Amino acid sequence: MRSWILIPALALALACSGCAAVIVGGAAAAGTYVYMAGWLHQTYNHGLDTVYTAARSGPAALGLTLKSTEKQTGKASLQFLDGDTTVWISLEATSSYTTKVSVRWGILGDEVTSRRIMDAIGARL
């Protein structure tokens, strides 16, 4: 009797541990962000140039003032002022089709405000 239960259970476990689980997990992770040590990180499925344009216009639409920019091959950084608080935005091309965006609001970071800025960037992609 136990073998009748064990065989289907093993088949189900094998089916769930294959590539399909990895694909579903990867699709779910595409829309997530990570907040760690004051920085909010998110990867977008767009090239660096496209994300750079969105990173310039998104915070500006929220009323932030562009202070400085620096763009090199494969990476870029922008600084904005939110009143008298500095906002740092870092871009890193992880491939020709994906770009990691990191946002930090102020010295200690603020997750809610960083999320608002990240959403403004994402809305322009």
PDB file of N, CA and C in Angstrom:
ATOM      1  N   MET A   1       0.817  -1.198   0.000  1.00  0.00           N
ATOM      2  CA  MET A   1       0.000   0.000   0.000  1.00  0.00           C
ATOM      3  C   MET A   1       0.861   1.263   0.000  1.00  0.00           C
ATOM      4  N   ARG A   2       1.942   1.249   0.771  1.00  0.00           N
ATOM      5  CA  ARG A   2       2.808   2.420   0.835  1.00  0.00           C
ATOM      6  C   ARG A   2       3.436   2.741  -0.516  1.00  0.00           C
ATOM      7  N   SER A   3       3.770   1.723  -1.297  1.00  0.00           N
ATOM      8  CA  SER A   3       4.406   1.981  -2.589  1.00  0.00           C
ATOM      9  C   SER A   3       3.458   2.708  -3.537  1.00  0.00           C
ATOM     10  N   TRP A   4       2.156   2.495  -3.409  1.00  0.00           N
ATOM     11  CA  TRP A   4       1.187   3.195  -4.248  1.00  0.00           C
ATOM     12  C   TRP A   4       1.167   4.694  -3.936  1.00  0.00           C
ATOM     13  N   ILE A   5       1.447   5.045  -2.724  1.00  0.00           N
ATOM     14  CA  ILE A   5       1.476   6.460  -2.344  1.00  0.00           C
ATOM     15  C   ILE A   5       2.850   7.052  -2.627  1.00  0.00           C
ATOM     16  N   LEU A   6       3.891   6.272  -2.392  1.00  0.00           N
ATOM     17  CA  LEU A   6       5.258   6.757  -2.528  1.00  0.00           C
ATOM     18  C   LEU A   6       5.607   7.101  -3.977  1.00  0.00           C
ATOM     19  N   ILE A   7       5.215   6.268  -4.913  1.00  0.00           N
ATOM     20  CA  ILE A   7       5.567   6.489  -6.318  1.00  0.00           C
ATOM     21  C   ILE A   7       4.948   7.786  -6.861  1.00  0.00           C
ATOM     22  N   PRO A   8       3.655   8.034  -6.680  1.00  0.00           N
ATOM     23  CA  PRO A   8       3.118   9.322  -7.160  1.00  0.00           C
ATOM     24  C   PRO A   8       3.728  10.525  -6.426  1.00  0.00           C
ATOM     25  N   ALA A   9       4.020  10.363  -5.148  1.00  0.00           N
ATOM     26  CA  ALA A   9       4.626  11.464  -4.391  1.00  0.00           C
ATOM     27  C   ALA A   9       6.010  11.787  -4.936  1.00  0.00           C
ATOM     28  N   LEU A  10       6.800  10.771  -5.261  1.00  0.00           N
ATOM     29  CA  LEU A  10       8.123  10.993  -5.834  1.00  0.00           C
ATOM     30  C   LEU A  10       8.026  11.627  -7.221  1.00  0.00           C
ATOM     31  N   ALA A  11       7.074  11.178  -8.013  1.00  0.00           N
ATOM     32  CA  ALA A  11       6.894  11.757  -9.349  1.00  0.00           C
ATOM     33  C   ALA A  11       6.503  13.233  -9.255  1.00  0.00           C
ATOM     34  N   LEU A  12       5.633  13.547  -8.308  1.00  0.00           N
ATOM     35  CA  LEU A  12       5.232  14.937  -8.112  1.00  0.00           C
ATOM     36  C   LEU A  12       6.408  15.790  -7.646  1.00  0.00           C
ATOM     37  N   ALA A  13       7.206  15.273  -6.729  1.00  0.00           N
ATOM     38  CA  ALA A  13       8.379  16.009  -6.240  1.00  0.00           C
ATOM     39  C   ALA A  13       9.376  16.246  -7.366  1.00  0.00           C
ATOM     40  N   LEU A  14       9.584  15.252  -8.211  1.00  0.00           N
ATOM     41  CA  LEU A  14      10.506  15.383  -9.335  1.00  0.00           C
ATOM     42  C   LEU A  14      10.010  16.436 -10.332  1.00  0.00           C
ATOM     43  N   ALA A  15       8.721  16.428 -10.607  1.00  0.00           N
ATOM     44  CA  ALA A  15       8.159  17.398 -11.552  1.00  0.00           C
ATOM     45  C   ALA A  15       8.254  18.827 -11.020  1.00  0.00           C
ATOM     46  N   CYS A  16       8.078  18.981  -9.722  1.00  0.00           N
ATOM     47  CA  CYS A  16       8.112  20.328  -9.121  1.00  0.00           C
ATOM     48  C   CYS A  16       9.522  20.860  -8.937  1.00  0.00           C
ATOM     49  N   SER A  17      10.513  20.020  -8.982  1.00  0.00           N
ATOM     50  CA  SER A  17      11.878  20.488  -8.729  1.00  0.00           C
ATOM     51  C   SER A  17      12.657  20.758 -10.010  1.00  0.00           C
ATOM     52  N   GLY A  18      12.008  20.663 -11.144  1.00  0.00           N
ATOM     53  CA  GLY A  18      12.717  20.825 -12.412  1.00  0.00           C
ATOM     54  C   GLY A  18      12.763  22.259 -12.898  1.00  0.00           C
ATOM     55  N   CYS A  19      12.954  22.406 -14.187  1.00  0.00           N
ATOM     56  CA  CYS A  19      13.114  23.717 -14.813  1.00  0.00           C
ATOM     57  C   CYS A  19      11.869  24.580 -14.683  1.00  0.00           C
ATOM     58  N   ALA A  20      10.698  23.961 -14.650  1.00  0.00           N
ATOM     59  CA  ALA A  20       9.469  24.748 -14.556  1.00  0.00           C
ATOM     60  C   ALA A  20       9.457  25.586 -13.291  1.00  0.00           C
ATOM     61  N   ALA A  21       9.922  25.027 -12.188  1.00  0.00           N
ATOM     62  CA  ALA A  21       9.964  25.784 -10.933  1.00  0.00           C
ATOM     63  C   ALA A  21      10.932  26.950 -11.039  1.00  0.00           C
ATOM     64  N   VAL A  22      12.033  26.754 -11.724  1.00  0.00           N
ATOM     65  CA  VAL A  22      13.012  27.826 -11.896  1.00  0.00           C
ATOM     66  C   VAL A  22      12.439  28.937 -12.763  1.00  0.00           C
ATOM     67  N   ILE A  23      11.739  28.577 -13.827  1.00  0.00           N
ATOM     68  CA  ILE A  23      11.144  29.570 -14.719  1.00  0.00           C
ATOM     69  C   ILE A  23      10.086  30.383 -13.986  1.00  0.00           C
ATOM     70  N   VAL A  24       9.220  29.723 -13.230  1.00  0.00           N
ATOM     71  CA  VAL A  24       8.185  30.425 -12.481  1.00  0.00           C
ATOM     72  C   VAL A  24       8.823  31.334 -11.443  1.00  0.00           C
ATOM     73  N   GLY A  25       9.833  30.856 -10.745  1.00  0.00           N
ATOM     74  CA  GLY A  25      10.524  31.669  -9.746  1.00  0.00           C
ATOM     75  C   GLY A  25      11.200  32.872 -10.366  1.00  0.00           C
ATOM     76  N   GLY A  26      11.800  32.702 -11.528  1.00  0.00           N
ATOM     77  CA  GLY A  26      12.458  33.816 -12.210  1.00  0.00           C
ATOM     78  C   GLY A  26      11.463  34.863 -12.666  1.00  0.00           C
ATOM     79  N   ALA A  27      10.311  34.427 -13.138  1.00  0.00           N
ATOM     80  CA  ALA A  27       9.287  35.374 -13.567  1.00  0.00           C
ATOM     81  C   ALA A  27       8.746  36.161 -12.384  1.00  0.00           C
ATOM     82  N   ALA A  28       8.585  35.505 -11.258  1.00  0.00           N
ATOM     83  CA  ALA A  28       8.085  36.195 -10.070  1.00  0.00           C
ATOM     84  C   ALA A  28       9.100  37.200  -9.554  1.00  0.00           C
ATOM     85  N   ALA A  29      10.373  36.893  -9.666  1.00  0.00           N
ATOM     86  CA  ALA A  29      11.417  37.774  -9.141  1.00  0.00           C
ATOM     87  C   ALA A  29      11.639  39.009 -10.006  1.00  0.00           C
ATOM     88  N   ALA A  30      11.183  38.993 -11.233  1.00  0.00           N
ATOM     89  CA  ALA A  30      11.454  40.107 -12.143  1.00  0.00           C
ATOM     90  C   ALA A  30      10.845  41.419 -11.668  1.00  0.00           C
ATOM     91  N   GLY A  31       9.747  41.369 -10.939  1.00  0.00           N
ATOM     92  CA  GLY A  31       9.102  42.592 -10.499  1.00  0.00           C
ATOM     93  C   GLY A  31       9.415  42.978  -9.071  1.00  0.00           C
ATOM     94  N   THR A  32      10.380  42.370  -8.456  1.00  0.00           N
ATOM     95  CA  THR A  32      10.660  42.631  -7.053  1.00  0.00           C
ATOM     96  C   THR A  32      11.803  43.617  -6.884  1.00  0.00           C
ATOM     97  N   TYR A  33      11.902  44.146  -5.694  1.00  0.00           N
ATOM     98  CA  TYR A  33      13.010  45.021  -5.348  1.00  0.00           C
ATOM     99  C   TYR A  33      13.592  44.573  -4.023  1.00  0.00           C
ATOM    100  N   VAL A  34      14.785  45.041  -3.733  1.00  0.00           N
ATOM    101  CA  VAL A  34      15.472  44.712  -2.486  1.00  0.00           C
ATOM    102  C   VAL A  34      15.885  46.017  -1.824  1.00  0.00           C
ATOM    103  N   TYR A  35      15.579  46.151  -0.532  1.00  0.00           N
ATOM    104  CA  TYR A  35      16.025  47.311   0.239  1.00  0.00           C
ATOM    105  C   TYR A  35      17.042  46.812   1.251  1.00  0.00           C
ATOM    106  N   MET A  36      18.281  47.291   1.115  1.00  0.00           N
ATOM    107  CA  MET A  36      19.347  46.796   1.974  1.00  0.00           C
ATOM    108  C   MET A  36      20.335  47.917   2.252  1.00  0.00           C
ATOM    109  N   ALA A  37      20.642  48.113   3.524  1.00  0.00           N
ATOM    110  CA  ALA A  37      21.644  49.090   3.972  1.00  0.00           C
ATOM    111  C   ALA A  37      21.381  50.491   3.415  1.00  0.00           C
ATOM    112  N   GLY A  38      20.104  50.878   3.373  1.00  0.00           N
ATOM    113  CA  GLY A  38      19.760  52.217   2.920  1.00  0.00           C
ATOM    114  C   GLY A  38      19.566  52.372   1.424  1.00  0.00           C
ATOM    115  N   TRP A  39      19.864  51.331   0.660  1.00  0.00           N
ATOM    116  CA  TRP A  39      19.736  51.372  -0.804  1.00  0.00           C
ATOM    117  C   TRP A  39      18.569  50.499  -1.247  1.00  0.00           C
ATOM    118  N   LEU A  40      17.788  51.007  -2.186  1.00  0.00           N
ATOM    119  CA  LEU A  40      16.729  50.239  -2.825  1.00  0.00           C
ATOM    120  C   LEU A  40      17.250  49.798  -4.184  1.00  0.00           C
ATOM    121  N   HIS A  41      17.208  48.495  -4.464  1.00  0.00           N
ATOM    122  CA  HIS A  41      17.748  47.943  -5.716  1.00  0.00           C
ATOM    123  C   HIS A  41      16.620  47.281  -6.511  1.00  0.00           C
ATOM    124  N   GLN A  42      16.628  47.497  -7.807  1.00  0.00           N
ATOM    125  CA  GLN A  42      15.702  46.814  -8.705  1.00  0.00           C
ATOM    126  C   GLN A  42      16.346  46.688 -10.077  1.00  0.00           C
ATOM    127  N   THR A  43      16.115  45.559 -10.729  1.00  0.00           N
ATOM    128  CA  THR A  43      16.641  45.333 -12.073  1.00  0.00           C
ATOM    129  C   THR A  43      15.500  45.442 -13.079  1.00  0.00           C
ATOM    130  N   TYR A  44      15.729  46.220 -14.119  1.00  0.00           N
ATOM    131  CA  TYR A  44      14.740  46.419 -15.180  1.00  0.00           C
ATOM    132  C   TYR A  44      15.212  45.736 -16.458  1.00  0.00           C
ATOM    133  N   ASN A  45      14.261  45.255 -17.239  1.00  0.00           N
ATOM    134  CA  ASN A  45      14.556  44.591 -18.506  1.00  0.00           C
ATOM    135  C   ASN A  45      14.658  45.613 -19.636  1.00  0.00           C
ATOM    136  N   HIS A  46      15.567  46.562 -19.470  1.00  0.00           N
ATOM    137  CA  HIS A  46      15.840  47.599 -20.461  1.00  0.00           C
ATOM    138  C   HIS A  46      17.330  47.894 -20.435  1.00  0.00           C
ATOM    139  N   GLY A  47      17.852  48.353 -21.553  1.00  0.00           N
ATOM    140  CA  GLY A  47      19.264  48.703 -21.639  1.00  0.00           C
ATOM    141  C   GLY A  47      19.593  49.960 -20.841  1.00  0.00           C
ATOM    142  N   LEU A  48      20.871  50.180 -20.633  1.00  0.00           N
ATOM    143  CA  LEU A  48      21.344  51.295 -19.815  1.00  0.00           C
ATOM    144  C   LEU A  48      20.871  52.650 -20.341  1.00  0.00           C
ATOM    145  N   ASP A  49      20.940  52.887 -21.644  1.00  0.00           N
ATOM    146  CA  ASP A  49      20.551  54.190 -22.194  1.00  0.00           C
ATOM    147  C   ASP A  49      19.083  54.511 -21.923  1.00  0.00           C
ATOM    148  N   THR A  50      18.222  53.521 -22.092  1.00  0.00           N
ATOM    149  CA  THR A  50      16.792  53.714 -21.841  1.00  0.00           C
ATOM    150  C   THR A  50      16.536  54.006 -20.369  1.00  0.00           C
ATOM    151  N   VAL A  51      17.179  53.242 -19.489  1.00  0.00           N
ATOM    152  CA  VAL A  51      16.985  53.429 -18.050  1.00  0.00           C
ATOM    153  C   VAL A  51      17.581  54.764 -17.598  1.00  0.00           C
ATOM    154  N   TYR A  52      18.699  55.160 -18.192  1.00  0.00           N
ATOM    155  CA  TYR A  52      19.326  56.437 -17.852  1.00  0.00           C
ATOM    156  C   TYR A  52      18.372  57.599 -18.148  1.00  0.00           C
ATOM    157  N   THR A  53      17.713  57.555 -19.288  1.00  0.00           N
ATOM    158  CA  THR A  53      16.745  58.598 -19.642  1.00  0.00           C
ATOM    159  C   THR A  53      15.605  58.639 -18.627  1.00  0.00           C
ATOM    160  N   ALA A  54      15.106  57.465 -18.242  1.00  0.00           N
ATOM    161  CA  ALA A  54      14.031  57.392 -17.245  1.00  0.00           C
ATOM    162  C   ALA A  54      14.509  57.865 -15.876  1.00  0.00           C
ATOM    163  N   ALA A  55      15.769  57.578 -15.544  1.00  0.00           N
ATOM    164  CA  ALA A  55      16.323  57.989 -14.250  1.00  0.00           C
ATOM    165  C   ALA A  55      16.537  59.497 -14.181  1.00  0.00           C
ATOM    166  N   ARG A  56      16.676  60.145 -15.307  1.00  0.00           N
ATOM    167  CA  ARG A  56      16.771  61.619 -15.332  1.00  0.00           C
ATOM    168  C   ARG A  56      15.386  62.254 -15.226  1.00  0.00           C
ATOM    169  N   SER A  57      14.414  61.693 -15.939  1.00  0.00           N
ATOM    170  CA  SER A  57      13.097  62.332 -16.001  1.00  0.00           C
ATOM    171  C   SER A  57      12.167  61.947 -14.852  1.00  0.00           C
ATOM    172  N   GLY A  58      12.275  60.731 -14.334  1.00  0.00           N
ATOM    173  CA  GLY A  58      11.385  60.287 -13.256  1.00  0.00           C
ATOM    174  C   GLY A  58      11.482  61.137 -11.999  1.00  0.00           C
ATOM    175  N   PRO A  59      12.669  61.264 -11.406  1.00  0.00           N
ATOM    176  CA  PRO A  59      12.802  62.098 -10.210  1.00  0.00           C
ATOM    177  C   PRO A  59      12.472  63.571 -10.480  1.00  0.00           C
ATOM    178  N   ALA A  60      12.802  64.068 -11.669  1.00  0.00           N
ATOM    179  CA  ALA A  60      12.488  65.460 -12.011  1.00  0.00           C
ATOM    180  C   ALA A  60      10.976  65.688 -12.000  1.00  0.00           C
ATOM    181  N   ALA A  61      10.211  64.688 -12.443  1.00  0.00           N
ATOM    182  CA  ALA A  61       8.754  64.797 -12.436  1.00  0.00           C
ATOM    183  C   ALA A  61       8.198  64.859 -11.015  1.00  0.00           C
ATOM    184  N   LEU A  62       8.959  64.355 -10.050  1.00  0.00           N
ATOM    185  CA  LEU A  62       8.553  64.423  -8.643  1.00  0.00           C
ATOM    186  C   LEU A  62       8.987  65.729  -7.983  1.00  0.00           C
ATOM    187  N   GLY A  63       9.640  66.587  -8.743  1.00  0.00           N
ATOM    188  CA  GLY A  63      10.076  67.868  -8.211  1.00  0.00           C
ATOM    189  C   GLY A  63      11.497  67.882  -7.682  1.00  0.00           C
ATOM    190  N   LEU A  64      12.251  66.805  -7.889  1.00  0.00           N
ATOM    191  CA  LEU A  64      13.647  66.774  -7.460  1.00  0.00           C
ATOM    192  C   LEU A  64      14.497  67.555  -8.455  1.00  0.00           C
ATOM    193  N   THR A  65      15.542  68.187  -7.953  1.00  0.00           N
ATOM    194  CA  THR A  65      16.429  68.999  -8.779  1.00  0.00           C
ATOM    195  C   THR A  65      17.685  68.210  -9.119  1.00  0.00           C
ATOM    196  N   LEU A  66      17.990  68.099 -10.405  1.00  0.00           N
ATOM    197  CA  LEU A  66      19.188  67.388 -10.838  1.00  0.00           C
ATOM    198  C   LEU A  66      20.427  68.175 -10.425  1.00  0.00           C
ATOM    199  N   LYS A  67      21.311  67.517  -9.694  1.00  0.00           N
ATOM    200  CA  LYS A  67      22.536  68.159  -9.205  1.00  0.00           C
ATOM    201  C   LYS A  67      23.738  67.794 -10.073  1.00  0.00           C
ATOM    202  N   SER A  68      23.881  66.492 -10.401  1.00  0.00           N
ATOM    203  CA  SER A  68      25.010  66.063 -11.234  1.00  0.00           C
ATOM    204  C   SER A  68      24.714  64.707 -11.857  1.00  0.00           C
ATOM    205  N   THR A  69      25.406  64.429 -12.968  1.00  0.00           N
ATOM    206  CA  THR A  69      25.311  63.131 -13.633  1.00  0.00           C
ATOM    207  C   THR A  69      26.696  62.712 -14.082  1.00  0.00           C
ATOM    208  N   GLU A  70      26.875  61.420 -14.172  1.00  0.00           N
ATOM    209  CA  GLU A  70      28.108  60.861 -14.726  1.00  0.00           C
ATOM    210  C   GLU A  70      27.724  59.568 -15.434  1.00  0.00           C
ATOM    211  N   LYS A  71      28.121  59.451 -16.689  1.00  0.00           N
ATOM    212  CA  LYS A  71      27.792  58.257 -17.464  1.00  0.00           C
ATOM    213  C   LYS A  71      29.051  57.728 -18.117  1.00  0.00           C
ATOM    214  N   GLN A  72      29.290  56.438 -17.913  1.00  0.00           N
ATOM    215  CA  GLN A  72      30.426  55.746 -18.515  1.00  0.00           C
ATOM    216  C   GLN A  72      29.905  54.493 -19.195  1.00  0.00           C
ATOM    217  N   THR A  73      30.797  53.759 -19.814  1.00  0.00           N
ATOM    218  CA  THR A  73      30.397  52.512 -20.446  1.00  0.00           C
ATOM    219  C   THR A  73      29.938  51.525 -19.377  1.00  0.00           C
ATOM    220  N   GLY A  74      28.695  51.113 -19.469  1.00  0.00           N
ATOM    221  CA  GLY A  74      28.168  50.094 -18.570  1.00  0.00           C
ATOM    222  C   GLY A  74      27.666  50.581 -17.230  1.00  0.00           C
ATOM    223  N   LYS A  75      27.793  51.877 -16.934  1.00  0.00           N
ATOM    224  CA  LYS A  75      27.294  52.370 -15.646  1.00  0.00           C
ATOM    225  C   LYS A  75      27.056  53.872 -15.712  1.00  0.00           C
ATOM    226  N   ALA A  76      26.263  54.339 -14.770  1.00  0.00           N
ATOM    227  CA  ALA A  76      25.972  55.771 -14.676  1.00  0.00           C
ATOM    228  C   ALA A  76      25.562  56.087 -13.248  1.00  0.00           C
ATOM    229  N   SER A  77      25.704  57.353 -12.879  1.00  0.00           N
ATOM    230  CA  SER A  77      25.239  57.794 -11.565  1.00  0.00           C
ATOM    231  C   SER A  77      24.628  59.180 -11.703  1.00  0.00           C
ATOM    232  N   LEU A  78      23.631  59.433 -10.889  1.00  0.00           N
ATOM    233  CA  LEU A  78      22.942  60.715 -10.888  1.00  0.00           C
ATOM    234  C   LEU A  78      22.751  61.151  -9.444  1.00  0.00           C
ATOM    235  N   GLN A  79      22.812  62.447  -9.218  1.00  0.00           N
ATOM    236  CA  GLN A  79      22.506  63.009  -7.905  1.00  0.00           C
ATOM    237  C   GLN A  79      21.414  64.049  -8.075  1.00  0.00           C
ATOM    238  N   PHE A  80      20.428  63.968  -7.202  1.00  0.00           N
ATOM    239  CA  PHE A  80      19.333  64.926  -7.176  1.00  0.00           C
ATOM    240  C   PHE A  80      19.265  65.539  -5.788  1.00  0.00           C
ATOM    241  N   LEU A  81      18.586  66.659  -5.686  1.00  0.00           N
ATOM    242  CA  LEU A  81      18.287  67.260  -4.393  1.00  0.00           C
ATOM    243  C   LEU A  81      16.781  67.230  -4.187  1.00  0.00           C
ATOM    244  N   ASP A  82      16.376  66.741  -3.021  1.00  0.00           N
ATOM    245  CA  ASP A  82      14.983  66.762  -2.595  1.00  0.00           C
ATOM    246  C   ASP A  82      14.931  67.737  -1.425  1.00  0.00           C
ATOM    247  N   GLY A  83      14.689  69.003  -1.721  1.00  0.00           N
ATOM    248  CA  GLY A  83      14.879  70.044  -0.709  1.00  0.00           C
ATOM    249  C   GLY A  83      16.371  70.188  -0.479  1.00  0.00           C
ATOM    250  N   ASP A  84      16.804  69.895   0.743  1.00  0.00           N
ATOM    251  CA  ASP A  84      18.246  69.914   1.015  1.00  0.00           C
ATOM    252  C   ASP A  84      18.795  68.509   1.260  1.00  0.00           C
ATOM    253  N   THR A  85      18.023  67.489   0.893  1.00  0.00           N
ATOM    254  CA  THR A  85      18.452  66.095   1.040  1.00  0.00           C
ATOM    255  C   THR A  85      18.956  65.569  -0.297  1.00  0.00           C
ATOM    256  N   THR A  86      20.123  64.940  -0.276  1.00  0.00           N
ATOM    257  CA  THR A  86      20.708  64.383  -1.499  1.00  0.00           C
ATOM    258  C   THR A  86      20.116  63.011  -1.796  1.00  0.00           C
ATOM    259  N   VAL A  87      19.819  62.781  -3.061  1.00  0.00           N
ATOM    260  CA  VAL A  87      19.335  61.489  -3.548  1.00  0.00           C
ATOM    261  C   VAL A  87      20.364  60.965  -4.537  1.00  0.00           C
ATOM    262  N   TRP A  88      20.842  59.742  -4.302  1.00  0.00           N
ATOM    263  CA  TRP A  88      21.802  59.106  -5.198  1.00  0.00           C
ATOM    264  C   TRP A  88      21.094  58.031  -5.995  1.00  0.00           C
ATOM    265  N   ILE A  89      21.354  57.996  -7.301  1.00  0.00           N
ATOM    266  CA  ILE A  89      20.834  56.949  -8.176  1.00  0.00           C
ATOM    267  C   ILE A  89      22.016  56.371  -8.937  1.00  0.00           C
ATOM    268  N   SER A  90      22.162  55.063  -8.837  1.00  0.00           N
ATOM    269  CA  SER A  90      23.258  54.361  -9.497  1.00  0.00           C
ATOM    270  C   SER A  90      22.674  53.372 -10.498  1.00  0.00           C
ATOM    271  N   LEU A  91      23.227  53.338 -11.697  1.00  0.00           N
ATOM    272  CA  LEU A  91      22.787  52.418 -12.746  1.00  0.00           C
ATOM    273  C   LEU A  91      23.956  51.538 -13.150  1.00  0.00           C
ATOM    274  N   GLU A  92      23.677  50.259 -13.315  1.00  0.00           N
ATOM    275  CA  GLU A  92      24.712  49.316 -13.751  1.00  0.00           C
ATOM    276  C   GLU A  92      24.114  48.356 -14.769  1.00  0.00           C
ATOM    277  N   ALA A  93      24.670  48.342 -15.972  1.00  0.00           N
ATOM    278  CA  ALA A  93      24.214  47.403 -16.997  1.00  0.00           C
ATOM    279  C   ALA A  93      24.659  46.006 -16.592  1.00  0.00           C
ATOM    280  N   THR A  94      23.698  45.117 -16.363  1.00  0.00           N
ATOM    281  CA  THR A  94      24.040  43.737 -16.032  1.00  0.00           C
ATOM    282  C   THR A  94      24.098  42.875 -17.284  1.00  0.00           C
ATOM    283  N   SER A  95      23.507  43.353 -18.366  1.00  0.00           N
ATOM    284  CA  SER A  95      23.636  42.771 -19.704  1.00  0.00           C
ATOM    285  C   SER A  95      23.213  43.875 -20.673  1.00  0.00           C
ATOM    286  N   SER A  96      23.189  43.572 -21.950  1.00  0.00           N
ATOM    287  CA  SER A  96      22.762  44.603 -22.899  1.00  0.00           C
ATOM    288  C   SER A  96      21.250  44.846 -22.818  1.00  0.00           C
ATOM    289  N   TYR A  97      20.529  43.967 -22.130  1.00  0.00           N
ATOM    290  CA  TYR A  97      19.076  44.069 -22.036  1.00  0.00           C
ATOM    291  C   TYR A  97      18.574  44.348 -20.627  1.00  0.00           C
ATOM    292  N   THR A  98      19.439  44.343 -19.620  1.00  0.00           N
ATOM    293  CA  THR A  98      19.003  44.562 -18.243  1.00  0.00           C
ATOM    294  C   THR A  98      19.908  45.570 -17.540  1.00  0.00           C
ATOM    295  N   THR A  99      19.295  46.349 -16.661  1.00  0.00           N
ATOM    296  CA  THR A  99      20.025  47.366 -15.915  1.00  0.00           C
ATOM    297  C   THR A  99      19.579  47.335 -14.462  1.00  0.00           C
ATOM    298  N   LYS A 100      20.545  47.294 -13.559  1.00  0.00           N
ATOM    299  CA  LYS A 100      20.267  47.348 -12.122  1.00  0.00           C
ATOM    300  C   LYS A 100      20.257  48.811 -11.694  1.00  0.00           C
ATOM    301  N   VAL A 101      19.178  49.214 -11.031  1.00  0.00           N
ATOM    302  CA  VAL A 101      19.022  50.582 -10.540  1.00  0.00           C
ATOM    303  C   VAL A 101      19.062  50.546  -9.020  1.00  0.00           C
ATOM    304  N   SER A 102      19.841  51.433  -8.426  1.00  0.00           N
ATOM    305  CA  SER A 102      19.923  51.558  -6.972  1.00  0.00           C
ATOM    306  C   SER A 102      19.619  53.003  -6.602  1.00  0.00           C
ATOM    307  N   VAL A 103      18.739  53.182  -5.614  1.00  0.00           N
ATOM    308  CA  VAL A 103      18.323  54.516  -5.176  1.00  0.00           C
ATOM    309  C   VAL A 103      18.554  54.635  -3.676  1.00  0.00           C
ATOM    310  N   ARG A 104      19.120  55.762  -3.272  1.00  0.00           N
ATOM    311  CA  ARG A 104      19.301  56.060  -1.845  1.00  0.00           C
ATOM    312  C   ARG A 104      18.862  57.495  -1.597  1.00  0.00           C
ATOM    313  N   TRP A 105      17.973  57.676  -0.625  1.00  0.00           N
ATOM    314  CA  TRP A 105      17.487  58.996  -0.250  1.00  0.00           C
ATOM    315  C   TRP A 105      18.124  59.374   1.077  1.00  0.00           C
ATOM    316  N   GLY A 106      18.975  60.384   1.051  1.00  0.00           N
ATOM    317  CA  GLY A 106      19.606  60.862   2.279  1.00  0.00           C
ATOM    318  C   GLY A 106      20.732  59.963   2.757  1.00  0.00           C
ATOM    319  N   ILE A 107      21.373  60.404   3.824  1.00  0.00           N
ATOM    320  CA  ILE A 107      22.535  59.680   4.363  1.00  0.00           C
ATOM    321  C   ILE A 107      22.152  58.292   4.870  1.00  0.00           C
ATOM    322  N   LEU A 108      21.046  58.188   5.593  1.00  0.00           N
ATOM    323  CA  LEU A 108      20.655  56.913   6.188  1.00  0.00           C
ATOM    324  C   LEU A 108      19.738  56.090   5.301  1.00  0.00           C
ATOM    325  N   GLY A 109      19.171  56.699   4.284  1.00  0.00           N
ATOM    326  CA  GLY A 109      18.241  55.997   3.413  1.00  0.00           C
ATOM    327  C   GLY A 109      16.824  56.081   3.953  1.00  0.00           C
ATOM    328  N   ASP A 110      15.861  55.960   3.075  1.00  0.00           N
ATOM    329  CA  ASP A 110      14.444  55.979   3.427  1.00  0.00           C
ATOM    330  C   ASP A 110      13.736  55.101   2.403  1.00  0.00           C
ATOM    331  N   GLU A 111      13.239  53.950   2.853  1.00  0.00           N
ATOM    332  CA  GLU A 111      12.670  52.978   1.921  1.00  0.00           C
ATOM    333  C   GLU A 111      11.437  53.516   1.197  1.00  0.00           C
ATOM    334  N   VAL A 112      10.551  54.184   1.915  1.00  0.00           N
ATOM    335  CA  VAL A 112       9.314  54.668   1.299  1.00  0.00           C
ATOM    336  C   VAL A 112       9.613  55.716   0.222  1.00  0.00           C
ATOM    337  N   THR A 113      10.472  56.672   0.538  1.00  0.00           N
ATOM    338  CA  THR A 113      10.810  57.714  -0.433  1.00  0.00           C
ATOM    339  C   THR A 113      11.604  57.136  -1.602  1.00  0.00           C
ATOM    340  N   SER A 114      12.529  56.215  -1.310  1.00  0.00           N
ATOM    341  CA  SER A 114      13.292  55.562  -2.383  1.00  0.00           C
ATOM    342  C   SER A 114      12.362  54.784  -3.306  1.00  0.00           C
ATOM    343  N   ARG A 115      11.344  54.127  -2.732  1.00  0.00           N
ATOM    344  CA  ARG A 115      10.379  53.367  -3.533  1.00  0.00           C
ATOM    345  C   ARG A 115       9.597  54.316  -4.447  1.00  0.00           C
ATOM    346  N   ARG A 116       9.224  55.483  -3.932  1.00  0.00           N
ATOM    347  CA  ARG A 116       8.485  56.471  -4.733  1.00  0.00           C
ATOM    348  C   ARG A 116       9.326  56.922  -5.929  1.00  0.00           C
ATOM    349  N   ILE A 117      10.611  57.137  -5.693  1.00  0.00           N
ATOM    350  CA  ILE A 117      11.518  57.551  -6.772  1.00  0.00           C
ATOM    351  C   ILE A 117      11.700  56.412  -7.778  1.00  0.00           C
ATOM    352  N   MET A 118      11.872  55.189  -7.265  1.00  0.00           N
ATOM    353  CA  MET A 118      12.029  54.025  -8.143  1.00  0.00           C
ATOM    354  C   MET A 118      10.775  53.826  -8.991  1.00  0.00           C
ATOM    355  N   ASP A 119       9.606  54.021  -8.399  1.00  0.00           N
ATOM    356  CA  ASP A 119       8.355  53.893  -9.159  1.00  0.00           C
ATOM    357  C   ASP A 119       8.264  54.940 -10.266  1.00  0.00           C
ATOM    358  N   ALA A 120       8.751  56.150  -9.992  1.00  0.00           N
ATOM    359  CA  ALA A 120       8.745  57.204 -11.017  1.00  0.00           C
ATOM    360  C   ALA A 120       9.669  56.838 -12.174  1.00  0.00           C
ATOM    361  N   ILE A 121      10.792  56.194 -11.861  1.00  0.00           N
ATOM    362  CA  ILE A 121      11.705  55.731 -12.916  1.00  0.00           C
ATOM    363  C   ILE A 121      11.036  54.621 -13.717  1.00  0.00           C
ATOM    364  N   GLY A 122      10.478  53.637 -13.015  1.00  0.00           N
ATOM    365  CA  GLY A 122       9.828  52.504 -13.672  1.00  0.00           C
ATOM    366  C   GLY A 122       8.647  52.912 -14.540  1.00  0.00           C
ATOM    367  N   ALA A 123       7.941  53.961 -14.150  1.00  0.00           N
ATOM    368  CA  ALA A 123       6.781  54.420 -14.920  1.00  0.00           C
ATOM    369  C   ALA A 123       7.186  54.984 -16.277  1.00  0.00           C
ATOM    370  N   ARG A 124       8.445  55.333 -16.426  1.00  0.00           N
ATOM    371  CA  ARG A 124       8.919  55.905 -17.686  1.00  0.00           C
ATOM    372  C   ARG A 124       9.605  54.870 -18.580  1.00  0.00           C
ATOM    373  N   LEU A 125       9.533  53.635 -18.206  1.00  0.00           N
ATOM    374  CA  LEU A 125      10.145  52.558 -19.007  1.00  0.00           C
ATOM    375  C   LEU A 125       9.091  51.811 -19.795  1.00  0.00           C
TER     376      LEU A 125
END
